[in-house]
Amino acid sequence: MISSAIALAASKKESDGSQPTYRFSGDAELLTQFIDRGLSITDKNPALNASFLFNLGQQFRAGFWGTNVSNVTTTDDNLWLKLMMEIHVDFSNDSIFKIYIQDDHFYKSDLRNGQQFGLKFDFRSYRTHLEWMNNYQGTKTDAIYFKLGKTFPLYRGIVPEISAGYTMQKASEYLNYLDIKASASYSITSTFDIDGGITAVSNSTQFNGRGDPAVYLGIKLNY
């Protein structure tokens, strides 16, 4: 009887978030094309993205994320692997602060390898993102990215979002640019989502077609 009560109390303590959890998590997503900050990373070809992370308690996790890439430079890169560490601070149920460090590795070419340091802050339906990177588009120069977004939660798991980001960089061969995205996600179950969106950027001609207005669809499995 006593042991049953202890087990029940321990289960409740873990479920209400007051006890750290140590587990693996991640996601896998199939996309019609992978667009990041308004640019097609896969040259308008389909993409498969996946992450695998170990949660060390509720505040810290580390692992990797990867995707296929296709001729995004003059060299035929066919894999982008990102090693990452994140720290989460949940001020409340609707206020979350995240700090992250990421280390990028591209194969076959190492031209665009680099690191990023970023901050994300979500407050209710508002999203903010600030990131510093040390090798923008393989130019070996620094860049800063800032984004603001807002979600509009609807009923039955449908969540539209509108966001705008701005990239400021030091490379002489590129201009600073604005990217705008309208997207929506639909949670079919707690582990299965459908995503879609449309994007556009300013100064798009400097990206050789990768910055053209684009539409994408995706199917995501969370685990």
N, C-alpha and C. Protein backbone atom coordinates (compact mmCIF):
# COMPACT_ATOMS: atom_id res chain seq x y z
N MET A 1 0.82 -1.19 0.00
CA MET A 1 0.00 0.00 0.00
C MET A 1 0.87 1.26 0.00
N ILE A 2 1.88 1.25 0.91
CA ILE A 2 2.78 2.40 0.98
C ILE A 2 3.57 2.55 -0.31
N SER A 3 4.07 1.42 -0.85
CA SER A 3 4.86 1.49 -2.08
C SER A 3 4.02 1.98 -3.24
N SER A 4 2.74 1.62 -3.30
CA SER A 4 1.84 2.09 -4.36
C SER A 4 1.65 3.60 -4.26
N ALA A 5 1.51 4.10 -3.02
CA ALA A 5 1.33 5.54 -2.83
C ALA A 5 2.57 6.31 -3.24
N ILE A 6 3.76 5.77 -2.93
CA ILE A 6 5.00 6.42 -3.32
C ILE A 6 5.15 6.46 -4.84
N ALA A 7 4.81 5.35 -5.50
CA ALA A 7 4.89 5.28 -6.96
C ALA A 7 3.95 6.28 -7.60
N LEU A 8 2.72 6.41 -7.03
CA LEU A 8 1.75 7.35 -7.58
C LEU A 8 2.23 8.78 -7.42
N ALA A 9 2.81 9.09 -6.25
CA ALA A 9 3.32 10.44 -6.01
C ALA A 9 4.47 10.76 -6.95
N ALA A 10 5.36 9.80 -7.18
CA ALA A 10 6.49 10.01 -8.09
C ALA A 10 6.02 10.23 -9.51
N SER A 11 4.99 9.47 -9.91
CA SER A 11 4.45 9.62 -11.26
C SER A 11 3.84 10.99 -11.44
N LYS A 12 3.10 11.47 -10.41
CA LYS A 12 2.47 12.78 -10.47
C LYS A 12 3.52 13.88 -10.52
N LYS A 13 4.58 13.72 -9.72
CA LYS A 13 5.64 14.73 -9.68
C LYS A 13 6.31 14.88 -11.02
N GLU A 14 6.52 13.77 -11.72
CA GLU A 14 7.15 13.83 -13.04
C GLU A 14 6.21 14.41 -14.06
N SER A 15 4.91 14.06 -13.99
CA SER A 15 3.97 14.51 -15.00
C SER A 15 3.67 16.00 -14.90
N ASP A 16 3.76 16.59 -13.68
CA ASP A 16 3.48 18.02 -13.57
C ASP A 16 4.69 18.90 -13.82
N GLY A 17 5.83 18.28 -14.21
CA GLY A 17 6.99 19.04 -14.64
C GLY A 17 7.94 19.43 -13.55
N SER A 18 7.69 19.01 -12.31
CA SER A 18 8.58 19.40 -11.22
C SER A 18 9.77 18.48 -11.05
N GLN A 19 9.83 17.42 -11.83
CA GLN A 19 10.96 16.50 -11.76
C GLN A 19 11.60 16.39 -13.14
N PRO A 20 12.92 16.49 -13.25
CA PRO A 20 13.57 16.43 -14.55
C PRO A 20 13.29 15.11 -15.27
N THR A 21 13.21 15.17 -16.58
CA THR A 21 13.03 13.98 -17.40
C THR A 21 14.27 13.78 -18.26
N TYR A 22 14.71 12.56 -18.39
CA TYR A 22 15.88 12.22 -19.18
C TYR A 22 15.44 11.27 -20.28
N ARG A 23 15.34 11.79 -21.51
CA ARG A 23 14.79 10.98 -22.58
C ARG A 23 15.29 11.52 -23.93
N PHE A 24 15.06 10.72 -24.98
CA PHE A 24 15.38 11.13 -26.34
C PHE A 24 14.12 11.71 -26.98
N SER A 25 14.32 12.70 -27.84
CA SER A 25 13.21 13.30 -28.57
C SER A 25 13.71 13.77 -29.92
N GLY A 26 12.79 14.19 -30.76
CA GLY A 26 13.17 14.70 -32.07
C GLY A 26 12.00 14.70 -33.02
N ASP A 27 12.29 14.87 -34.30
CA ASP A 27 11.25 14.86 -35.33
C ASP A 27 11.85 14.50 -36.67
N ALA A 28 10.98 14.12 -37.58
CA ALA A 28 11.36 13.85 -38.96
C ALA A 28 10.30 14.48 -39.85
N GLU A 29 10.73 15.23 -40.88
CA GLU A 29 9.77 15.94 -41.72
C GLU A 29 10.13 15.77 -43.19
N LEU A 30 9.13 15.45 -43.98
CA LEU A 30 9.25 15.35 -45.44
C LEU A 30 8.62 16.59 -46.04
N LEU A 31 9.42 17.35 -46.86
CA LEU A 31 8.98 18.63 -47.41
C LEU A 31 9.05 18.63 -48.93
N THR A 32 8.17 19.38 -49.55
CA THR A 32 8.25 19.55 -51.00
C THR A 32 9.52 20.30 -51.38
N GLN A 33 9.97 21.21 -50.52
CA GLN A 33 11.29 21.84 -50.60
C GLN A 33 11.58 22.46 -49.23
N PHE A 34 12.86 22.60 -48.92
CA PHE A 34 13.25 23.15 -47.63
C PHE A 34 13.63 24.61 -47.81
N ILE A 35 12.88 25.51 -47.17
CA ILE A 35 13.12 26.94 -47.26
C ILE A 35 13.52 27.46 -45.89
N ASP A 36 14.66 28.14 -45.84
CA ASP A 36 15.13 28.71 -44.58
C ASP A 36 15.40 30.19 -44.79
N ARG A 37 14.69 31.03 -44.05
CA ARG A 37 14.84 32.49 -44.14
C ARG A 37 14.58 32.98 -45.56
N GLY A 38 13.59 32.39 -46.20
CA GLY A 38 13.19 32.80 -47.53
C GLY A 38 13.97 32.20 -48.67
N LEU A 39 15.03 31.44 -48.37
CA LEU A 39 15.88 30.86 -49.42
C LEU A 39 15.66 29.36 -49.53
N SER A 40 15.56 28.86 -50.74
CA SER A 40 15.43 27.42 -50.96
C SER A 40 16.79 26.75 -50.75
N ILE A 41 16.89 25.95 -49.71
CA ILE A 41 18.15 25.27 -49.41
C ILE A 41 18.37 24.08 -50.34
N THR A 42 17.30 23.49 -50.84
CA THR A 42 17.41 22.30 -51.68
C THR A 42 17.15 22.60 -53.15
N ASP A 43 17.37 23.86 -53.55
CA ASP A 43 17.16 24.24 -54.95
C ASP A 43 15.81 23.79 -55.49
N LYS A 44 14.76 24.01 -54.66
CA LYS A 44 13.36 23.72 -55.02
C LYS A 44 13.07 22.24 -55.16
N ASN A 45 13.98 21.39 -54.67
CA ASN A 45 13.77 19.94 -54.68
C ASN A 45 13.23 19.47 -53.33
N PRO A 46 12.62 18.27 -53.27
CA PRO A 46 12.12 17.74 -51.99
C PRO A 46 13.23 17.59 -50.96
N ALA A 47 12.83 17.63 -49.69
CA ALA A 47 13.81 17.56 -48.60
C ALA A 47 13.31 16.63 -47.50
N LEU A 48 14.25 16.02 -46.82
CA LEU A 48 13.96 15.22 -45.63
C LEU A 48 14.81 15.77 -44.50
N ASN A 49 14.15 16.33 -43.48
CA ASN A 49 14.83 16.87 -42.31
C ASN A 49 14.57 15.96 -41.11
N ALA A 50 15.56 15.81 -40.24
CA ALA A 50 15.37 14.99 -39.04
C ALA A 50 16.26 15.49 -37.92
N SER A 51 15.79 15.34 -36.68
CA SER A 51 16.59 15.70 -35.52
C SER A 51 16.54 14.56 -34.51
N PHE A 52 17.59 14.48 -33.69
CA PHE A 52 17.68 13.46 -32.65
C PHE A 52 18.37 14.11 -31.46
N LEU A 53 17.64 14.29 -30.37
CA LEU A 53 18.13 15.07 -29.24
C LEU A 53 17.98 14.29 -27.94
N PHE A 54 18.92 14.52 -27.03
CA PHE A 54 18.83 13.94 -25.70
C PHE A 54 18.51 15.05 -24.71
N ASN A 55 17.41 14.88 -23.97
CA ASN A 55 16.97 15.86 -22.99
C ASN A 55 17.57 15.53 -21.63
N LEU A 56 18.45 16.41 -21.16
CA LEU A 56 19.07 16.24 -19.85
C LEU A 56 18.29 17.11 -18.87
N GLY A 57 17.20 16.55 -18.35
CA GLY A 57 16.28 17.34 -17.57
C GLY A 57 15.40 18.16 -18.48
N GLN A 58 14.66 19.11 -17.91
CA GLN A 58 13.72 19.90 -18.70
C GLN A 58 14.34 21.15 -19.31
N GLN A 59 15.54 21.54 -18.85
CA GLN A 59 16.13 22.80 -19.31
C GLN A 59 17.22 22.64 -20.36
N PHE A 60 17.81 21.48 -20.53
CA PHE A 60 18.96 21.33 -21.41
C PHE A 60 18.78 20.13 -22.33
N ARG A 61 19.14 20.31 -23.60
CA ARG A 61 19.15 19.18 -24.52
C ARG A 61 20.25 19.39 -25.55
N ALA A 62 20.75 18.29 -26.08
CA ALA A 62 21.83 18.33 -27.06
C ALA A 62 21.64 17.18 -28.04
N GLY A 63 22.15 17.38 -29.27
CA GLY A 63 22.02 16.33 -30.26
C GLY A 63 22.36 16.86 -31.64
N PHE A 64 21.67 16.35 -32.65
CA PHE A 64 21.97 16.79 -34.01
C PHE A 64 20.70 16.91 -34.83
N TRP A 65 20.81 17.69 -35.90
CA TRP A 65 19.75 17.89 -36.89
C TRP A 65 20.39 17.77 -38.26
N GLY A 66 19.67 17.21 -39.21
CA GLY A 66 20.25 17.05 -40.54
C GLY A 66 19.22 17.18 -41.64
N THR A 67 19.70 17.52 -42.84
CA THR A 67 18.85 17.60 -44.01
C THR A 67 19.69 17.33 -45.25
N ASN A 68 19.03 16.96 -46.34
CA ASN A 68 19.70 16.85 -47.62
C ASN A 68 19.79 18.24 -48.25
N VAL A 69 20.85 18.51 -48.97
CA VAL A 69 20.98 19.74 -49.73
C VAL A 69 21.37 19.37 -51.15
N SER A 70 21.13 20.30 -52.11
CA SER A 70 21.36 19.95 -53.50
C SER A 70 21.89 21.15 -54.26
N ASN A 71 23.20 21.13 -54.52
CA ASN A 71 23.82 22.13 -55.38
C ASN A 71 23.53 23.56 -54.94
N VAL A 72 23.62 23.81 -53.63
CA VAL A 72 23.39 25.17 -53.15
C VAL A 72 24.62 26.06 -53.35
N THR A 73 25.74 25.47 -53.73
CA THR A 73 26.91 26.25 -54.14
C THR A 73 27.38 25.65 -55.46
N THR A 74 28.56 26.05 -55.91
CA THR A 74 29.09 25.46 -57.13
C THR A 74 29.54 24.02 -56.90
N THR A 75 29.65 23.63 -55.61
CA THR A 75 30.00 22.25 -55.27
C THR A 75 28.73 21.49 -54.91
N ASP A 76 28.64 20.24 -55.31
CA ASP A 76 27.44 19.46 -55.06
C ASP A 76 27.43 18.95 -53.62
N ASP A 77 26.88 19.75 -52.70
CA ASP A 77 26.72 19.32 -51.32
C ASP A 77 25.51 18.38 -51.24
N ASN A 78 25.64 17.31 -50.47
CA ASN A 78 24.50 16.39 -50.38
C ASN A 78 24.09 16.06 -48.95
N LEU A 79 24.63 16.79 -47.94
CA LEU A 79 24.22 16.59 -46.57
C LEU A 79 24.61 17.80 -45.73
N TRP A 80 23.68 18.25 -44.91
CA TRP A 80 23.92 19.32 -43.96
C TRP A 80 23.63 18.75 -42.58
N LEU A 81 24.66 18.69 -41.73
CA LEU A 81 24.52 18.15 -40.38
C LEU A 81 24.81 19.27 -39.38
N LYS A 82 23.90 19.45 -38.44
CA LYS A 82 24.02 20.51 -37.46
C LYS A 82 24.09 19.89 -36.06
N LEU A 83 25.21 20.11 -35.35
CA LEU A 83 25.33 19.71 -33.96
C LEU A 83 24.81 20.86 -33.10
N MET A 84 24.01 20.55 -32.08
CA MET A 84 23.34 21.63 -31.37
C MET A 84 23.19 21.36 -29.88
N MET A 85 23.20 22.46 -29.11
CA MET A 85 22.92 22.43 -27.68
C MET A 85 21.94 23.56 -27.38
N GLU A 86 20.94 23.28 -26.53
CA GLU A 86 19.92 24.27 -26.20
C GLU A 86 19.66 24.31 -24.70
N ILE A 87 19.40 25.51 -24.20
CA ILE A 87 18.97 25.69 -22.82
C ILE A 87 17.61 26.39 -22.85
N HIS A 88 16.62 25.80 -22.18
CA HIS A 88 15.27 26.34 -22.13
C HIS A 88 14.99 26.89 -20.73
N VAL A 89 14.37 28.06 -20.68
CA VAL A 89 13.90 28.62 -19.42
C VAL A 89 12.42 28.95 -19.60
N ASP A 90 11.55 28.23 -18.91
CA ASP A 90 10.12 28.45 -19.00
C ASP A 90 9.68 29.36 -17.85
N PHE A 91 9.44 30.65 -18.16
CA PHE A 91 9.00 31.58 -17.13
C PHE A 91 7.56 31.31 -16.71
N SER A 92 6.77 30.82 -17.66
CA SER A 92 5.38 30.47 -17.40
C SER A 92 4.93 29.52 -18.51
N ASN A 93 3.66 29.14 -18.49
CA ASN A 93 3.14 28.24 -19.52
C ASN A 93 3.15 28.88 -20.90
N ASP A 94 3.12 30.21 -20.96
CA ASP A 94 3.08 30.88 -22.27
C ASP A 94 4.24 31.86 -22.44
N SER A 95 5.34 31.63 -21.72
CA SER A 95 6.51 32.49 -21.83
C SER A 95 7.77 31.63 -21.75
N ILE A 96 8.47 31.46 -22.89
CA ILE A 96 9.59 30.54 -22.99
C ILE A 96 10.81 31.26 -23.58
N PHE A 97 11.96 31.08 -22.95
CA PHE A 97 13.21 31.67 -23.41
C PHE A 97 14.19 30.55 -23.74
N LYS A 98 14.85 30.65 -24.89
CA LYS A 98 15.77 29.60 -25.34
C LYS A 98 17.09 30.21 -25.77
N ILE A 99 18.20 29.59 -25.35
CA ILE A 99 19.55 29.94 -25.80
C ILE A 99 20.13 28.73 -26.51
N TYR A 100 20.76 28.92 -27.67
CA TYR A 100 21.30 27.76 -28.37
C TYR A 100 22.65 28.08 -29.02
N ILE A 101 23.43 27.03 -29.21
CA ILE A 101 24.68 27.07 -29.95
C ILE A 101 24.63 25.95 -30.98
N GLN A 102 25.00 26.24 -32.23
CA GLN A 102 24.95 25.25 -33.30
C GLN A 102 26.25 25.26 -34.09
N ASP A 103 26.65 24.07 -34.53
CA ASP A 103 27.88 23.90 -35.32
C ASP A 103 27.51 23.20 -36.62
N ASP A 104 27.64 23.90 -37.75
CA ASP A 104 27.23 23.39 -39.05
C ASP A 104 28.36 22.65 -39.75
N HIS A 105 28.00 21.51 -40.36
CA HIS A 105 28.95 20.76 -41.19
C HIS A 105 28.24 20.37 -42.49
N PHE A 106 28.86 20.73 -43.63
CA PHE A 106 28.30 20.40 -44.94
C PHE A 106 29.20 19.37 -45.63
N TYR A 107 28.58 18.45 -46.34
CA TYR A 107 29.31 17.41 -47.06
C TYR A 107 28.76 17.39 -48.48
N LYS A 108 29.59 17.41 -49.48
CA LYS A 108 30.99 17.09 -49.55
C LYS A 108 31.89 18.29 -49.26
N SER A 109 31.41 19.50 -49.51
CA SER A 109 32.24 20.68 -49.36
C SER A 109 32.13 21.24 -47.94
N ASP A 110 33.25 21.82 -47.43
CA ASP A 110 33.21 22.46 -46.13
C ASP A 110 33.18 23.98 -46.25
N LEU A 111 32.84 24.48 -47.43
CA LEU A 111 32.87 25.92 -47.70
C LEU A 111 31.98 26.70 -46.73
N ARG A 112 30.83 26.14 -46.36
CA ARG A 112 29.87 26.88 -45.55
C ARG A 112 29.80 26.39 -44.11
N ASN A 113 30.77 25.61 -43.67
CA ASN A 113 30.81 25.22 -42.26
C ASN A 113 30.93 26.47 -41.39
N GLY A 114 30.30 26.43 -40.22
CA GLY A 114 30.35 27.59 -39.34
C GLY A 114 29.56 27.36 -38.07
N GLN A 115 29.46 28.40 -37.27
CA GLN A 115 28.76 28.30 -36.00
C GLN A 115 27.73 29.43 -35.88
N GLN A 116 26.70 29.16 -35.06
CA GLN A 116 25.69 30.16 -34.76
C GLN A 116 25.42 30.18 -33.25
N PHE A 117 25.11 31.37 -32.77
CA PHE A 117 24.68 31.54 -31.39
C PHE A 117 23.37 32.31 -31.45
N GLY A 118 22.33 31.80 -30.78
CA GLY A 118 21.04 32.44 -30.92
C GLY A 118 20.21 32.48 -29.66
N LEU A 119 19.21 33.39 -29.69
CA LEU A 119 18.25 33.55 -28.61
C LEU A 119 16.85 33.54 -29.21
N LYS A 120 15.94 32.84 -28.55
CA LYS A 120 14.54 32.86 -28.95
C LYS A 120 13.68 33.14 -27.72
N PHE A 121 12.69 33.98 -27.91
CA PHE A 121 11.79 34.28 -26.81
C PHE A 121 10.36 34.26 -27.33
N ASP A 122 9.54 33.39 -26.77
CA ASP A 122 8.13 33.29 -27.13
C ASP A 122 7.29 33.79 -25.97
N PHE A 123 6.41 34.74 -26.23
CA PHE A 123 5.51 35.25 -25.20
C PHE A 123 4.09 35.22 -25.75
N ARG A 124 3.31 34.31 -25.18
CA ARG A 124 1.95 34.08 -25.66
C ARG A 124 1.99 33.78 -27.15
N SER A 125 1.39 34.61 -27.99
CA SER A 125 1.34 34.32 -29.42
C SER A 125 2.44 35.02 -30.21
N TYR A 126 3.39 35.67 -29.52
CA TYR A 126 4.44 36.42 -30.19
C TYR A 126 5.75 35.63 -30.17
N ARG A 127 6.52 35.73 -31.28
CA ARG A 127 7.77 35.00 -31.41
C ARG A 127 8.88 35.98 -31.79
N THR A 128 10.02 35.90 -31.10
CA THR A 128 11.19 36.70 -31.47
C THR A 128 12.41 35.79 -31.58
N HIS A 129 13.31 36.14 -32.48
CA HIS A 129 14.48 35.31 -32.74
C HIS A 129 15.65 36.21 -33.13
N LEU A 130 16.78 36.05 -32.44
CA LEU A 130 18.00 36.79 -32.74
C LEU A 130 19.15 35.81 -32.86
N GLU A 131 19.91 35.89 -33.97
CA GLU A 131 21.00 34.93 -34.19
C GLU A 131 22.22 35.62 -34.78
N TRP A 132 23.40 35.22 -34.30
CA TRP A 132 24.68 35.63 -34.86
C TRP A 132 25.32 34.43 -35.53
N MET A 133 25.88 34.61 -36.73
CA MET A 133 26.55 33.53 -37.45
C MET A 133 27.90 34.02 -37.95
N ASN A 134 28.89 33.13 -38.04
CA ASN A 134 30.25 33.57 -38.37
C ASN A 134 30.70 33.21 -39.78
N ASN A 135 29.82 32.61 -40.59
CA ASN A 135 30.20 32.27 -41.96
C ASN A 135 28.96 32.35 -42.85
N TYR A 136 28.55 33.57 -43.12
CA TYR A 136 27.33 33.77 -43.89
C TYR A 136 27.51 33.36 -45.35
N GLN A 137 26.70 32.40 -45.80
CA GLN A 137 26.71 31.94 -47.19
C GLN A 137 28.11 31.60 -47.69
N GLY A 138 28.97 31.10 -46.80
CA GLY A 138 30.31 30.68 -47.20
C GLY A 138 31.27 31.83 -47.47
N THR A 139 30.96 33.05 -46.99
CA THR A 139 31.81 34.21 -47.26
C THR A 139 32.84 34.45 -46.15
N LYS A 140 32.81 33.66 -45.08
CA LYS A 140 33.72 33.82 -43.94
C LYS A 140 33.55 35.17 -43.24
N THR A 141 32.37 35.76 -43.37
CA THR A 141 32.06 37.01 -42.69
C THR A 141 30.87 36.82 -41.77
N ASP A 142 30.74 37.73 -40.79
CA ASP A 142 29.67 37.62 -39.80
C ASP A 142 28.35 38.13 -40.37
N ALA A 143 27.26 37.68 -39.73
CA ALA A 143 25.93 38.18 -40.06
C ALA A 143 25.05 38.07 -38.83
N ILE A 144 24.04 38.90 -38.77
CA ILE A 144 23.07 38.88 -37.69
C ILE A 144 21.68 38.77 -38.29
N TYR A 145 20.88 37.90 -37.71
CA TYR A 145 19.52 37.69 -38.19
C TYR A 145 18.53 38.01 -37.08
N PHE A 146 17.47 38.76 -37.41
CA PHE A 146 16.44 39.10 -36.43
C PHE A 146 15.08 38.83 -37.04
N LYS A 147 14.19 38.20 -36.26
CA LYS A 147 12.86 37.87 -36.77
C LYS A 147 11.80 38.13 -35.72
N LEU A 148 10.65 38.62 -36.19
CA LEU A 148 9.46 38.78 -35.37
C LEU A 148 8.32 38.00 -36.00
N GLY A 149 7.52 37.36 -35.17
CA GLY A 149 6.39 36.60 -35.69
C GLY A 149 5.22 36.59 -34.73
N LYS A 150 4.07 36.23 -35.25
CA LYS A 150 2.87 36.13 -34.42
C LYS A 150 2.01 34.97 -34.91
N THR A 151 1.59 34.15 -33.97
CA THR A 151 0.69 33.06 -34.29
C THR A 151 -0.75 33.47 -34.01
N PHE A 152 -1.67 32.78 -34.68
CA PHE A 152 -3.09 33.05 -34.52
C PHE A 152 -3.81 31.71 -34.30
N PRO A 153 -3.70 31.16 -33.09
CA PRO A 153 -4.28 29.83 -32.83
C PRO A 153 -5.77 29.79 -33.13
N LEU A 154 -6.14 28.81 -33.94
CA LEU A 154 -7.54 28.60 -34.26
C LEU A 154 -8.03 27.36 -33.53
N TYR A 155 -9.09 26.79 -33.99
CA TYR A 155 -9.65 25.61 -33.33
C TYR A 155 -9.11 24.33 -33.96
N ARG A 156 -9.18 23.25 -33.20
CA ARG A 156 -8.84 21.91 -33.67
C ARG A 156 -7.41 21.79 -34.19
N GLY A 157 -6.46 22.45 -33.51
CA GLY A 157 -5.05 22.23 -33.83
C GLY A 157 -4.51 23.00 -35.00
N ILE A 158 -5.25 23.95 -35.57
CA ILE A 158 -4.77 24.75 -36.71
C ILE A 158 -4.12 26.03 -36.17
N VAL A 159 -2.85 26.27 -36.53
CA VAL A 159 -2.12 27.44 -36.01
C VAL A 159 -1.45 28.19 -37.17
N PRO A 160 -2.08 29.24 -37.69
CA PRO A 160 -1.41 30.09 -38.70
C PRO A 160 -0.36 30.98 -38.02
N GLU A 161 0.63 31.42 -38.83
CA GLU A 161 1.66 32.31 -38.31
C GLU A 161 2.14 33.24 -39.43
N ILE A 162 2.37 34.48 -39.07
CA ILE A 162 2.97 35.46 -39.97
C ILE A 162 4.26 35.95 -39.35
N SER A 163 5.36 35.98 -40.13
CA SER A 163 6.64 36.40 -39.59
C SER A 163 7.43 37.20 -40.62
N ALA A 164 8.35 38.01 -40.11
CA ALA A 164 9.25 38.78 -40.97
C ALA A 164 10.63 38.77 -40.34
N GLY A 165 11.65 38.48 -41.14
CA GLY A 165 13.02 38.45 -40.66
C GLY A 165 13.91 39.37 -41.48
N TYR A 166 15.02 39.79 -40.87
CA TYR A 166 15.95 40.66 -41.57
C TYR A 166 17.36 40.18 -41.33
N THR A 167 18.12 39.99 -42.42
CA THR A 167 19.51 39.54 -42.36
C THR A 167 20.44 40.70 -42.63
N MET A 168 21.32 40.99 -41.66
CA MET A 168 22.34 42.04 -41.79
C MET A 168 23.70 41.36 -41.82
N GLN A 169 24.46 41.58 -42.89
CA GLN A 169 25.73 40.87 -43.05
C GLN A 169 26.81 41.79 -43.62
N LYS A 170 28.07 41.34 -43.52
CA LYS A 170 29.21 42.17 -43.88
C LYS A 170 29.82 41.81 -45.24
N ALA A 171 29.34 40.75 -45.88
CA ALA A 171 29.93 40.32 -47.15
C ALA A 171 29.66 41.34 -48.25
N SER A 172 30.69 41.68 -49.02
CA SER A 172 30.54 42.68 -50.07
C SER A 172 29.70 42.19 -51.25
N GLU A 173 29.63 40.86 -51.42
CA GLU A 173 28.90 40.32 -52.58
C GLU A 173 27.41 40.12 -52.33
N TYR A 174 26.95 40.42 -51.12
CA TYR A 174 25.53 40.28 -50.82
C TYR A 174 24.98 41.57 -50.22
N LEU A 175 23.67 41.76 -50.39
CA LEU A 175 22.97 42.87 -49.77
C LEU A 175 22.14 42.34 -48.60
N ASN A 176 21.90 43.18 -47.61
CA ASN A 176 20.97 42.82 -46.55
C ASN A 176 19.59 42.59 -47.16
N TYR A 177 18.82 41.69 -46.56
CA TYR A 177 17.51 41.42 -47.16
C TYR A 177 16.47 41.08 -46.11
N LEU A 178 15.22 41.29 -46.50
CA LEU A 178 14.05 41.01 -45.66
C LEU A 178 13.35 39.76 -46.18
N ASP A 179 12.97 38.86 -45.28
CA ASP A 179 12.17 37.71 -45.70
C ASP A 179 10.85 37.72 -44.95
N ILE A 180 9.79 37.40 -45.68
CA ILE A 180 8.42 37.38 -45.13
C ILE A 180 7.82 36.00 -45.36
N LYS A 181 7.14 35.49 -44.34
CA LYS A 181 6.53 34.16 -44.47
C LYS A 181 5.15 34.14 -43.84
N ALA A 182 4.22 33.51 -44.54
CA ALA A 182 2.90 33.20 -43.99
C ALA A 182 2.76 31.68 -44.00
N SER A 183 2.51 31.10 -42.86
CA SER A 183 2.49 29.64 -42.77
C SER A 183 1.37 29.18 -41.84
N ALA A 184 1.17 27.87 -41.80
CA ALA A 184 0.17 27.28 -40.91
C ALA A 184 0.55 25.84 -40.63
N SER A 185 0.25 25.40 -39.44
CA SER A 185 0.46 23.99 -39.07
C SER A 185 -0.84 23.42 -38.54
N TYR A 186 -1.02 22.13 -38.76
CA TYR A 186 -2.22 21.44 -38.31
C TYR A 186 -1.82 20.16 -37.59
N SER A 187 -2.14 20.05 -36.32
CA SER A 187 -1.80 18.88 -35.53
C SER A 187 -2.90 17.83 -35.66
N ILE A 188 -2.59 16.80 -36.44
CA ILE A 188 -3.56 15.71 -36.61
C ILE A 188 -3.64 14.89 -35.33
N THR A 189 -2.48 14.58 -34.76
CA THR A 189 -2.39 13.92 -33.45
C THR A 189 -1.30 14.62 -32.65
N SER A 190 -0.99 14.13 -31.46
CA SER A 190 0.06 14.73 -30.65
C SER A 190 1.44 14.52 -31.24
N THR A 191 1.58 13.59 -32.19
CA THR A 191 2.89 13.29 -32.78
C THR A 191 2.93 13.50 -34.29
N PHE A 192 1.84 13.95 -34.90
CA PHE A 192 1.79 14.01 -36.36
C PHE A 192 1.23 15.36 -36.78
N ASP A 193 2.02 16.14 -37.57
CA ASP A 193 1.62 17.48 -38.01
C ASP A 193 1.71 17.60 -39.53
N ILE A 194 0.93 18.54 -40.06
CA ILE A 194 1.04 18.94 -41.46
C ILE A 194 1.37 20.43 -41.47
N ASP A 195 2.40 20.83 -42.24
CA ASP A 195 2.84 22.22 -42.32
C ASP A 195 2.78 22.71 -43.76
N GLY A 196 2.65 24.01 -43.90
CA GLY A 196 2.68 24.62 -45.23
C GLY A 196 2.88 26.10 -45.12
N GLY A 197 3.36 26.72 -46.21
CA GLY A 197 3.56 28.16 -46.16
C GLY A 197 3.98 28.74 -47.49
N ILE A 198 4.07 30.06 -47.50
CA ILE A 198 4.52 30.80 -48.68
C ILE A 198 5.53 31.84 -48.22
N THR A 199 6.60 32.03 -48.99
CA THR A 199 7.68 32.94 -48.59
C THR A 199 8.07 33.86 -49.74
N ALA A 200 8.66 35.00 -49.37
CA ALA A 200 9.20 35.94 -50.36
C ALA A 200 10.30 36.74 -49.69
N VAL A 201 11.29 37.19 -50.48
CA VAL A 201 12.40 37.98 -49.94
C VAL A 201 12.64 39.21 -50.80
N SER A 202 13.25 40.23 -50.20
CA SER A 202 13.71 41.39 -50.95
C SER A 202 15.09 41.08 -51.53
N ASN A 203 15.49 41.84 -52.53
CA ASN A 203 16.80 41.64 -53.17
C ASN A 203 17.00 40.19 -53.59
N SER A 204 15.99 39.57 -54.13
CA SER A 204 16.02 38.13 -54.41
C SER A 204 16.96 37.76 -55.56
N THR A 205 17.27 38.68 -56.46
CA THR A 205 18.07 38.33 -57.63
C THR A 205 19.50 37.93 -57.27
N GLN A 206 19.99 38.33 -56.09
CA GLN A 206 21.36 38.00 -55.70
C GLN A 206 21.53 36.52 -55.32
N PHE A 207 20.43 35.78 -55.21
CA PHE A 207 20.51 34.39 -54.77
C PHE A 207 20.31 33.38 -55.90
N ASN A 208 20.40 33.83 -57.13
CA ASN A 208 20.34 32.93 -58.30
C ASN A 208 19.12 32.02 -58.30
N GLY A 209 17.98 32.59 -58.01
CA GLY A 209 16.73 31.83 -58.06
C GLY A 209 16.31 31.21 -56.74
N ARG A 210 17.24 31.07 -55.81
CA ARG A 210 16.88 30.44 -54.53
C ARG A 210 16.00 31.33 -53.67
N GLY A 211 15.94 32.65 -53.96
CA GLY A 211 15.11 33.56 -53.19
C GLY A 211 13.80 33.91 -53.86
N ASP A 212 13.44 33.19 -54.93
CA ASP A 212 12.16 33.44 -55.59
C ASP A 212 10.99 33.13 -54.65
N PRO A 213 9.86 33.83 -54.80
CA PRO A 213 8.67 33.48 -54.00
C PRO A 213 8.37 31.99 -54.15
N ALA A 214 8.04 31.34 -53.04
CA ALA A 214 7.89 29.89 -53.07
C ALA A 214 6.80 29.43 -52.11
N VAL A 215 6.27 28.26 -52.42
CA VAL A 215 5.26 27.60 -51.59
C VAL A 215 5.82 26.23 -51.20
N TYR A 216 5.59 25.82 -49.97
CA TYR A 216 6.05 24.50 -49.53
C TYR A 216 4.98 23.81 -48.70
N LEU A 217 5.05 22.49 -48.68
CA LEU A 217 4.18 21.65 -47.85
C LEU A 217 5.05 20.62 -47.15
N GLY A 218 4.66 20.21 -45.93
CA GLY A 218 5.45 19.24 -45.19
C GLY A 218 4.60 18.35 -44.31
N ILE A 219 5.10 17.17 -44.05
CA ILE A 219 4.47 16.22 -43.13
C ILE A 219 5.51 15.89 -42.06
N LYS A 220 5.17 16.10 -40.79
CA LYS A 220 6.14 15.95 -39.70
C LYS A 220 5.69 14.92 -38.68
N LEU A 221 6.64 14.10 -38.26
CA LEU A 221 6.42 13.13 -37.20
C LEU A 221 7.28 13.52 -36.01
N ASN A 222 6.67 13.74 -34.85
CA ASN A 222 7.39 14.09 -33.62
C ASN A 222 7.50 12.85 -32.73
N TYR A 223 8.67 12.66 -32.13
CA TYR A 223 8.83 11.50 -31.26
C TYR A 223 9.63 11.87 -30.03
